[in-house]
Amino acid sequence: MKNPSTLTTIAGIGAVLAFSSLSTAIAASGDEASRKEALLSQSGFKVVTVTTAKQKEAVNGLAPNRCSAVTYNGKLFYVFPTTARDKFYVGKQTQFNKYKKALAAAKAGQPAS
């Protein structure tokens, strides 16, 4: 029969490895959001700070880590909430097209032109 301290050590190592891979996945998703936010800014999206309860409710209803099409006063806008959901990026069709092109170039490992 194995020594109980050896089993405890193995279980502890397993827990550390599981936590480490979870932390890496969370960090990677945070890095992805940061990269997307940089591309949005470069593409001409404007940063808006959430100041009202109505804005907070609207931002909380948006899909995380992706641009959503939103109609406001009969006009189409593209909105991307930050991870903290205290700000959001907003742009029109022209900025969204630039963002898509930059995102595709970044995924291909090429600079956007």
Protein backbone atom coordinates (compact mmCIF):
# COMPACT_ATOMS: atom_id res chain seq x y z
CA MET A 1 0.00 0.00 0.00
CA LYS A 2 1.26 3.50 -0.85
CA ASN A 3 2.31 5.97 1.75
CA PRO A 4 -0.58 8.41 2.51
CA SER A 5 1.79 11.38 2.29
CA THR A 6 2.73 10.35 -1.27
CA LEU A 7 -0.94 10.23 -2.27
CA THR A 8 -1.49 13.64 -0.67
CA THR A 9 1.49 15.03 -2.58
CA ILE A 10 0.20 13.64 -5.88
CA ALA A 11 -3.26 15.06 -5.22
CA GLY A 12 -1.73 18.42 -4.33
CA ILE A 13 0.30 18.47 -7.54
CA GLY A 14 -2.83 17.62 -9.54
CA ALA A 15 -4.72 20.49 -7.91
CA VAL A 16 -1.88 22.91 -8.64
CA LEU A 17 -1.75 21.81 -12.29
CA ALA A 18 -5.53 22.18 -12.66
CA PHE A 19 -5.43 25.65 -11.10
CA SER A 20 -2.48 26.60 -13.28
CA SER A 21 -4.24 25.59 -16.50
CA LEU A 22 -7.39 27.44 -15.41
CA SER A 23 -5.35 30.56 -14.64
CA THR A 24 -3.65 30.33 -18.03
CA ALA A 25 -7.02 30.03 -19.79
CA ILE A 26 -8.36 33.06 -17.92
CA ALA A 27 -5.21 35.07 -18.69
CA ALA A 28 -5.41 34.08 -22.36
CA SER A 29 -9.02 35.27 -22.59
CA GLY A 30 -8.01 38.53 -20.89
CA ASP A 31 -5.15 38.93 -23.36
CA GLU A 32 -7.54 38.30 -26.24
CA ALA A 33 -9.92 40.96 -24.94
CA SER A 34 -7.02 43.41 -24.58
CA ARG A 35 -5.89 42.71 -28.15
CA LYS A 36 -9.42 43.20 -29.44
CA GLU A 37 -9.76 46.46 -27.51
CA ALA A 38 -6.49 47.71 -29.03
CA LEU A 39 -7.74 46.81 -32.53
CA LEU A 40 -11.06 48.54 -31.87
CA SER A 41 -9.27 51.69 -30.77
CA GLN A 42 -6.96 51.60 -33.82
CA SER A 43 -10.01 51.15 -36.04
CA GLY A 44 -11.60 54.36 -34.80
CA PHE A 45 -14.02 53.06 -32.15
CA LYS A 46 -14.68 55.54 -29.34
CA VAL A 47 -14.58 54.60 -25.66
CA VAL A 48 -17.67 55.53 -23.66
CA THR A 49 -17.82 55.28 -19.87
CA VAL A 50 -20.98 53.76 -18.42
CA THR A 51 -22.61 56.51 -16.33
CA THR A 52 -26.30 55.64 -16.01
CA ALA A 53 -28.25 52.64 -14.77
CA LYS A 54 -29.84 52.32 -18.21
CA GLN A 55 -26.40 52.13 -19.86
CA LYS A 56 -25.24 49.58 -17.27
CA GLU A 57 -28.29 47.41 -17.99
CA ALA A 58 -27.73 47.67 -21.75
CA VAL A 59 -24.01 46.81 -21.47
CA ASN A 60 -24.74 43.84 -19.22
CA GLY A 61 -27.08 42.50 -21.92
CA LEU A 62 -24.32 42.45 -24.55
CA ALA A 63 -22.32 39.36 -25.46
CA PRO A 64 -18.90 39.41 -23.78
CA ASN A 65 -15.73 39.77 -25.86
CA ARG A 66 -17.52 40.44 -29.16
CA CYS A 67 -18.99 43.31 -31.15
CA SER A 68 -22.76 43.51 -31.14
CA ALA A 69 -24.88 45.41 -33.66
CA VAL A 70 -27.17 47.87 -31.87
CA THR A 71 -29.73 50.26 -33.31
CA TYR A 72 -30.00 53.57 -31.47
CA ASN A 73 -32.25 56.41 -32.69
CA GLY A 74 -32.65 54.58 -36.00
CA LYS A 75 -28.89 54.34 -36.60
CA LEU A 76 -26.73 51.21 -36.59
CA PHE A 77 -23.80 51.09 -34.16
CA TYR A 78 -21.37 48.36 -33.17
CA VAL A 79 -20.72 48.03 -29.45
CA PHE A 80 -18.03 46.05 -27.60
CA PRO A 81 -18.18 45.97 -23.76
CA THR A 82 -14.92 45.96 -21.78
CA THR A 83 -14.24 43.02 -19.50
CA ALA A 84 -15.12 45.10 -16.42
CA ARG A 85 -18.27 46.34 -18.20
CA ASP A 86 -17.64 49.86 -16.92
CA LYS A 87 -16.88 51.14 -20.43
CA PHE A 88 -17.70 50.15 -23.97
CA TYR A 89 -16.34 50.78 -27.44
CA VAL A 90 -18.76 52.17 -30.02
CA GLY A 91 -18.35 52.63 -33.75
CA LYS A 92 -20.26 52.74 -37.01
CA GLN A 93 -20.06 50.52 -40.09
CA THR A 94 -16.81 52.09 -41.35
CA GLN A 95 -15.01 51.47 -38.05
CA PHE A 96 -16.44 47.97 -37.81
CA ASN A 97 -15.17 47.10 -41.31
CA LYS A 98 -11.68 48.34 -40.36
CA TYR A 99 -11.85 46.29 -37.16
CA LYS A 100 -12.84 43.10 -39.01
CA LYS A 101 -9.96 43.59 -41.44
CA ALA A 102 -7.48 44.23 -38.61
CA LEU A 103 -8.77 41.22 -36.66
CA ALA A 104 -8.42 38.93 -39.67
CA ALA A 105 -4.88 40.21 -40.26
CA ALA A 106 -3.98 39.70 -36.60
CA LYS A 107 -5.27 36.11 -36.68
CA ALA A 108 -3.22 35.48 -39.83
CA GLY A 109 -0.19 36.98 -38.09
CA GLN A 110 0.11 39.87 -40.53
CA PRO A 111 -0.06 43.60 -39.90
CA ALA A 112 -3.30 45.23 -41.05
CA SER A 113 -2.96 47.59 -43.99
